[in-house]
C-alpha cells in the first residue's frame, strides 16, 4: 500500500482503498480490501459503492450510460436499484465533490469516496475511506472527506503523469 494510503488509514482509523473502473465494477488496486494472498483486487458493483459512484460521476469517456450497467441488483434494502435514482445520486455526488455509501453495499458500513482527477477533471482513480456509522457519524463526514481529498491530491502527483495532472491552483 502506498504510504499516502497508509497514512490516511492511520489518521482516520478506517479502511482505505484505491480503485479503478473495469466495465461494471470498481476494482480495488490497493488498500485494506486488497486480497494480499492472490494479489487480486476486490470487485464491487459501481451502483452500490461510493467508489463506483465516484467512477461514474467523473467518468472520462462518457460511459455513464446507466442503462448499460444492466439491472441494478439490491445488496441491501438501501441499494439504489433504479437508473433514474442513480442518475440523480450521481448529480448530487458531482455537486458535493464526494460520494457517500450509507449501508448500500453492506449493512453497518459507511463509506466516503473522492476522485483522483486529471487535468481534464476526469477520474483516474477513486479513493474511499470506510468505517461504521458510529465512527463515521454524520457530524464527522466532512472531516473524513477533508482528509480523503488531501490524500487524493497527493495521489494525483504520484500516479498521474506531469503533463496530465491538474494545475496546482485548480480545485
C-alpha atoms as a PDB file:
ATOM      1  CA  UNK A   1       0.000   0.000   0.000  1.00  0.00           C
ATOM      2  CA  UNK A   2       1.415   3.455  -0.862  1.00  0.00           C
ATOM      3  CA  UNK A   3       2.440   5.421   2.225  1.00  0.00           C
ATOM      4  CA  UNK A   4      -0.250   8.040   1.481  1.00  0.00           C
ATOM      5  CA  UNK A   5      -2.975   5.399   1.846  1.00  0.00           C
ATOM      6  CA  UNK A   6      -1.360   4.006   4.986  1.00  0.00           C
ATOM      7  CA  UNK A   7      -1.209   7.486   6.494  1.00  0.00           C
ATOM      8  CA  UNK A   8      -4.866   8.167   5.645  1.00  0.00           C
ATOM      9  CA  UNK A   9      -5.830   4.854   7.259  1.00  0.00           C
ATOM     10  CA  UNK A  10      -3.788   5.746  10.344  1.00  0.00           C
ATOM     11  CA  UNK A  11      -5.270   9.244  10.681  1.00  0.00           C
ATOM     12  CA  UNK A  12      -8.857   8.106  10.173  1.00  0.00           C
ATOM     13  CA  UNK A  13      -8.633   4.677  11.851  1.00  0.00           C
ATOM     14  CA  UNK A  14     -10.611   3.415   8.861  1.00  0.00           C
ATOM     15  CA  UNK A  15     -10.160   1.102   5.888  1.00  0.00           C
ATOM     16  CA  UNK A  16      -8.797   2.965   2.865  1.00  0.00           C
ATOM     17  CA  UNK A  17      -8.985   1.721  -0.742  1.00  0.00           C
ATOM     18  CA  UNK A  18      -7.918   2.954  -4.169  1.00  0.00           C
ATOM     19  CA  UNK A  19      -9.896   1.678  -7.188  1.00  0.00           C
ATOM     20  CA  UNK A  20     -10.319   1.969 -10.942  1.00  0.00           C
ATOM     21  CA  UNK A  21     -13.248   1.163 -13.183  1.00  0.00           C
ATOM     22  CA  UNK A  22     -13.385  -2.095 -15.087  1.00  0.00           C
ATOM     23  CA  UNK A  23     -16.612  -2.484 -17.034  1.00  0.00           C
ATOM     24  CA  UNK A  24     -19.471  -2.501 -14.481  1.00  0.00           C
ATOM     25  CA  UNK A  25     -17.231  -2.768 -11.434  1.00  0.00           C
ATOM     26  CA  UNK A  26     -14.887  -0.787  -9.261  1.00  0.00           C
ATOM     27  CA  UNK A  27     -11.722  -2.854  -8.835  1.00  0.00           C
ATOM     28  CA  UNK A  28      -9.635  -2.131  -5.759  1.00  0.00           C
ATOM     29  CA  UNK A  29      -5.954  -1.835  -6.664  1.00  0.00           C
ATOM     30  CA  UNK A  30      -4.528  -1.001  -3.269  1.00  0.00           C
ATOM     31  CA  UNK A  31      -5.690  -0.700   0.295  1.00  0.00           C
ATOM     32  CA  UNK A  32      -7.303  -2.592   3.104  1.00  0.00           C
ATOM     33  CA  UNK A  33      -9.662  -4.580   0.853  1.00  0.00           C
ATOM     34  CA  UNK A  34      -6.962  -5.975  -1.449  1.00  0.00           C
ATOM     35  CA  UNK A  35      -6.592  -9.733  -1.255  1.00  0.00           C
ATOM     36  CA  UNK A  36      -2.899  -9.971  -0.391  1.00  0.00           C
ATOM     37  CA  UNK A  37      -2.742 -13.751  -0.955  1.00  0.00           C
ATOM     38  CA  UNK A  38      -3.913 -13.596  -4.563  1.00  0.00           C
ATOM     39  CA  UNK A  39      -2.986 -10.004  -5.381  1.00  0.00           C
ATOM     40  CA  UNK A  40      -6.447  -9.700  -6.928  1.00  0.00           C
ATOM     41  CA  UNK A  41      -8.445  -6.625  -6.127  1.00  0.00           C
ATOM     42  CA  UNK A  42     -11.946  -6.872  -4.795  1.00  0.00           C
ATOM     43  CA  UNK A  43     -14.547  -6.175  -7.498  1.00  0.00           C
ATOM     44  CA  UNK A  44     -17.620  -4.227  -6.403  1.00  0.00           C
ATOM     45  CA  UNK A  45     -20.655  -3.136  -8.465  1.00  0.00           C
ATOM     46  CA  UNK A  46     -20.455   0.517  -9.479  1.00  0.00           C
ATOM     47  CA  UNK A  47     -24.027   1.376  -8.486  1.00  0.00           C
ATOM     48  CA  UNK A  48     -23.828   0.243  -4.863  1.00  0.00           C
ATOM     49  CA  UNK A  49     -20.498   1.671  -3.686  1.00  0.00           C
ATOM     50  CA  UNK A  50     -19.041   5.102  -3.008  1.00  0.00           C
ATOM     51  CA  UNK A  51     -16.036   4.132  -5.153  1.00  0.00           C
ATOM     52  CA  UNK A  52     -18.345   3.225  -8.025  1.00  0.00           C
ATOM     53  CA  UNK A  53     -20.394   6.390  -7.728  1.00  0.00           C
ATOM     54  CA  UNK A  54     -17.196   8.475  -7.998  1.00  0.00           C
ATOM     55  CA  UNK A  55     -16.028   6.473 -11.009  1.00  0.00           C
ATOM     56  CA  UNK A  56     -19.403   7.023 -12.699  1.00  0.00           C
ATOM     57  CA  UNK A  57     -19.841  10.694 -11.732  1.00  0.00           C
ATOM     58  CA  UNK A  58     -16.496  11.827 -13.192  1.00  0.00           C
ATOM     59  CA  UNK A  59     -16.289   9.269 -15.987  1.00  0.00           C
ATOM     60  CA  UNK A  60     -13.624  10.282 -18.541  1.00  0.00           C
ATOM     61  CA  UNK A  61     -15.185   8.578 -21.538  1.00  0.00           C
ATOM     62  CA  UNK A  62     -18.850   9.390 -21.056  1.00  0.00           C
ATOM     63  CA  UNK A  63     -19.579   5.767 -20.200  1.00  0.00           C
ATOM     64  CA  UNK A  64     -22.162   6.851 -17.664  1.00  0.00           C
ATOM     65  CA  UNK A  65     -24.961   5.401 -19.804  1.00  0.00           C
ATOM     66  CA  UNK A  66     -26.501   3.876 -16.729  1.00  0.00           C
ATOM     67  CA  UNK A  67     -28.780   1.515 -18.631  1.00  0.00           C
ATOM     68  CA  UNK A  68     -25.597  -0.139 -19.956  1.00  0.00           C
ATOM     69  CA  UNK A  69     -24.942  -1.275 -16.386  1.00  0.00           C
ATOM     70  CA  UNK A  70     -27.897  -3.617 -16.790  1.00  0.00           C
ATOM     71  CA  UNK A  71     -30.267  -4.374 -13.941  1.00  0.00           C
ATOM     72  CA  UNK A  72     -29.099  -2.820 -10.667  1.00  0.00           C
ATOM     73  CA  UNK A  73     -29.121  -5.584  -8.074  1.00  0.00           C
ATOM     74  CA  UNK A  74     -30.002  -4.761  -4.475  1.00  0.00           C
ATOM     75  CA  UNK A  75     -27.320  -5.762  -1.990  1.00  0.00           C
ATOM     76  CA  UNK A  76     -29.229  -4.283   0.958  1.00  0.00           C
ATOM     77  CA  UNK A  77     -32.535  -2.513   1.426  1.00  0.00           C
ATOM     78  CA  UNK A  78     -30.714   0.792   0.826  1.00  0.00           C
ATOM     79  CA  UNK A  79     -29.121  -0.057  -2.536  1.00  0.00           C
ATOM     80  CA  UNK A  80     -30.217   2.188  -5.404  1.00  0.00           C
ATOM     81  CA  UNK A  81     -31.801  -0.103  -7.994  1.00  0.00           C
ATOM     82  CA  UNK A  82     -33.459   2.458 -10.284  1.00  0.00           C
ATOM     83  CA  UNK A  83     -31.401   4.019 -13.094  1.00  0.00           C
ATOM     84  CA  UNK A  84     -33.144   7.394 -12.694  1.00  0.00           C
ATOM     85  CA  UNK A  85     -32.449   7.477  -8.959  1.00  0.00           C
ATOM     86  CA  UNK A  86     -28.825   6.556  -9.626  1.00  0.00           C
ATOM     87  CA  UNK A  87     -28.502   9.406 -12.147  1.00  0.00           C
ATOM     88  CA  UNK A  88     -29.885  11.860  -9.547  1.00  0.00           C
ATOM     89  CA  UNK A  89     -27.446  10.460  -6.979  1.00  0.00           C
ATOM     90  CA  UNK A  90     -24.522  10.962  -9.381  1.00  0.00           C
ATOM     91  CA  UNK A  91     -25.593  14.591  -9.881  1.00  0.00           C
ATOM     92  CA  UNK A  92     -25.522  15.039  -6.078  1.00  0.00           C
ATOM     93  CA  UNK A  93     -22.099  13.372  -5.937  1.00  0.00           C
ATOM     94  CA  UNK A  94     -20.610  15.766  -8.500  1.00  0.00           C
ATOM     95  CA  UNK A  95     -22.154  18.759  -6.771  1.00  0.00           C
ATOM     96  CA  UNK A  96     -20.869  17.694  -3.335  1.00  0.00           C
ATOM     97  CA  UNK A  97     -17.474  16.612  -4.663  1.00  0.00           C
ATOM     98  CA  UNK A  98     -17.651  13.228  -2.941  1.00  0.00           C
ATOM     99  CA  UNK A  99     -19.811  10.103  -2.769  1.00  0.00           C
ATOM    100  CA  UNK A 100     -21.400   8.564   0.289  1.00  0.00           C
ATOM    101  CA  UNK A 101     -22.380   4.930   0.674  1.00  0.00           C
ATOM    102  CA  UNK A 102     -24.529   4.552   3.762  1.00  0.00           C
ATOM    103  CA  UNK A 103     -25.314   0.859   4.026  1.00  0.00           C
ATOM    104  CA  UNK A 104     -25.946   0.386   0.304  1.00  0.00           C
ATOM    105  CA  UNK A 105     -23.456  -2.433  -0.189  1.00  0.00           C
ATOM    106  CA  UNK A 106     -23.415  -3.871   3.317  1.00  0.00           C
ATOM    107  CA  UNK A 107     -25.368  -3.269   6.487  1.00  0.00           C
ATOM    108  CA  UNK A 108     -23.480  -1.275   9.097  1.00  0.00           C
ATOM    109  CA  UNK A 109     -20.917   0.091   6.635  1.00  0.00           C
ATOM    110  CA  UNK A 110     -20.462   3.766   5.758  1.00  0.00           C
ATOM    111  CA  UNK A 111     -18.005   4.940   3.099  1.00  0.00           C
ATOM    112  CA  UNK A 112     -16.988   8.261   1.618  1.00  0.00           C
ATOM    113  CA  UNK A 113     -15.095   8.396  -1.669  1.00  0.00           C
ATOM    114  CA  UNK A 114     -13.409  11.167  -3.631  1.00  0.00           C
ATOM    115  CA  UNK A 115     -11.991  11.290  -7.151  1.00  0.00           C
ATOM    116  CA  UNK A 116      -8.345  11.407  -8.139  1.00  0.00           C
ATOM    117  CA  UNK A 117      -8.665  13.686 -11.167  1.00  0.00           C
ATOM    118  CA  UNK A 118      -6.529  14.532 -14.169  1.00  0.00           C
ATOM    119  CA  UNK A 119      -6.141  17.887 -15.937  1.00  0.00           C
ATOM    120  CA  UNK A 120      -9.466  17.475 -17.770  1.00  0.00           C
ATOM    121  CA  UNK A 121     -11.212  16.763 -14.436  1.00  0.00           C
ATOM    122  CA  UNK A 122     -11.727  13.142 -15.443  1.00  0.00           C
ATOM    123  CA  UNK A 123     -11.451  10.491 -12.786  1.00  0.00           C
ATOM    124  CA  UNK A 124      -8.410   8.229 -12.963  1.00  0.00           C
ATOM    125  CA  UNK A 125      -8.924   6.581  -9.584  1.00  0.00           C
ATOM    126  CA  UNK A 126     -11.440   6.646  -6.763  1.00  0.00           C
ATOM    127  CA  UNK A 127     -10.253   6.843  -3.164  1.00  0.00           C
ATOM    128  CA  UNK A 128     -12.500   5.566  -0.368  1.00  0.00           C
ATOM    129  CA  UNK A 129     -12.487   5.666   3.417  1.00  0.00           C
ATOM    130  CA  UNK A 130     -14.743   3.041   5.038  1.00  0.00           C
ATOM    131  CA  UNK A 131     -15.876   2.518   8.616  1.00  0.00           C
ATOM    132  CA  UNK A 132     -19.043   2.140  10.640  1.00  0.00           C
ATOM    133  CA  UNK A 133     -21.728   4.824  11.076  1.00  0.00           C
ATOM    134  CA  UNK A 134     -20.684   5.050  14.732  1.00  0.00           C
ATOM    135  CA  UNK A 135     -17.145   6.084  13.768  1.00  0.00           C
ATOM    136  CA  UNK A 136     -18.102   7.953  10.586  1.00  0.00           C
ATOM    137  CA  UNK A 137     -21.003   9.816  12.160  1.00  0.00           C
ATOM    138  CA  UNK A 138     -22.964  12.481  10.295  1.00  0.00           C
ATOM    139  CA  UNK A 139     -21.057  15.128  12.290  1.00  0.00           C
ATOM    140  CA  UNK A 140     -17.689  13.698  11.169  1.00  0.00           C
ATOM    141  CA  UNK A 141     -18.310  13.046   7.468  1.00  0.00           C
ATOM    142  CA  UNK A 142     -16.783  16.395   6.436  1.00  0.00           C
ATOM    143  CA  UNK A 143     -13.672  15.578   8.492  1.00  0.00           C
ATOM    144  CA  UNK A 144     -13.258  12.245   6.666  1.00  0.00           C
ATOM    145  CA  UNK A 145     -13.874  13.905   3.278  1.00  0.00           C
ATOM    146  CA  UNK A 146     -11.274  16.613   4.009  1.00  0.00           C
ATOM    147  CA  UNK A 147      -8.608  14.015   4.789  1.00  0.00           C
ATOM    148  CA  UNK A 148      -9.570  11.887   1.778  1.00  0.00           C
ATOM    149  CA  UNK A 149      -9.309  14.919  -0.521  1.00  0.00           C
ATOM    150  CA  UNK A 150      -5.845  15.774   0.808  1.00  0.00           C
ATOM    151  CA  UNK A 151      -4.719  12.227   0.110  1.00  0.00           C
ATOM    152  CA  UNK A 152      -6.297  12.321  -3.370  1.00  0.00           C
ATOM    153  CA  UNK A 153      -4.321  15.478  -4.211  1.00  0.00           C
ATOM    154  CA  UNK A 154      -1.094  13.723  -3.190  1.00  0.00           C
ATOM    155  CA  UNK A 155      -2.034  10.706  -5.307  1.00  0.00           C
ATOM    156  CA  UNK A 156      -2.635  12.970  -8.307  1.00  0.00           C
ATOM    157  CA  UNK A 157       1.036  13.943  -8.108  1.00  0.00           C
ATOM    158  CA  UNK A 158       2.244  10.387  -7.562  1.00  0.00           C
ATOM    159  CA  UNK A 159       0.057   8.475 -10.001  1.00  0.00           C
ATOM    160  CA  UNK A 160      -0.752  10.831 -12.873  1.00  0.00           C
ATOM    161  CA  UNK A 161       1.976  11.835 -15.369  1.00  0.00           C
ATOM    162  CA  UNK A 162       3.012  15.507 -15.006  1.00  0.00           C
ATOM    163  CA  UNK A 163       1.560  16.631 -18.353  1.00  0.00           C
ATOM    164  CA  UNK A 164      -1.830  15.139 -17.398  1.00  0.00           C
ATOM    165  CA  UNK A 165      -2.066  16.460 -13.821  1.00  0.00           C
ATOM    166  CA  UNK A 166      -4.404  19.174 -12.700  1.00  0.00           C
ATOM    167  CA  UNK A 167      -2.805  22.559 -12.249  1.00  0.00           C
ATOM    168  CA  UNK A 168      -1.963  23.227  -8.593  1.00  0.00           C
ATOM    169  CA  UNK A 169      -4.268  26.236  -8.242  1.00  0.00           C
ATOM    170  CA  UNK A 170      -7.269  24.370  -9.586  1.00  0.00           C
ATOM    171  CA  UNK A 171      -9.601  22.784  -7.036  1.00  0.00           C
END
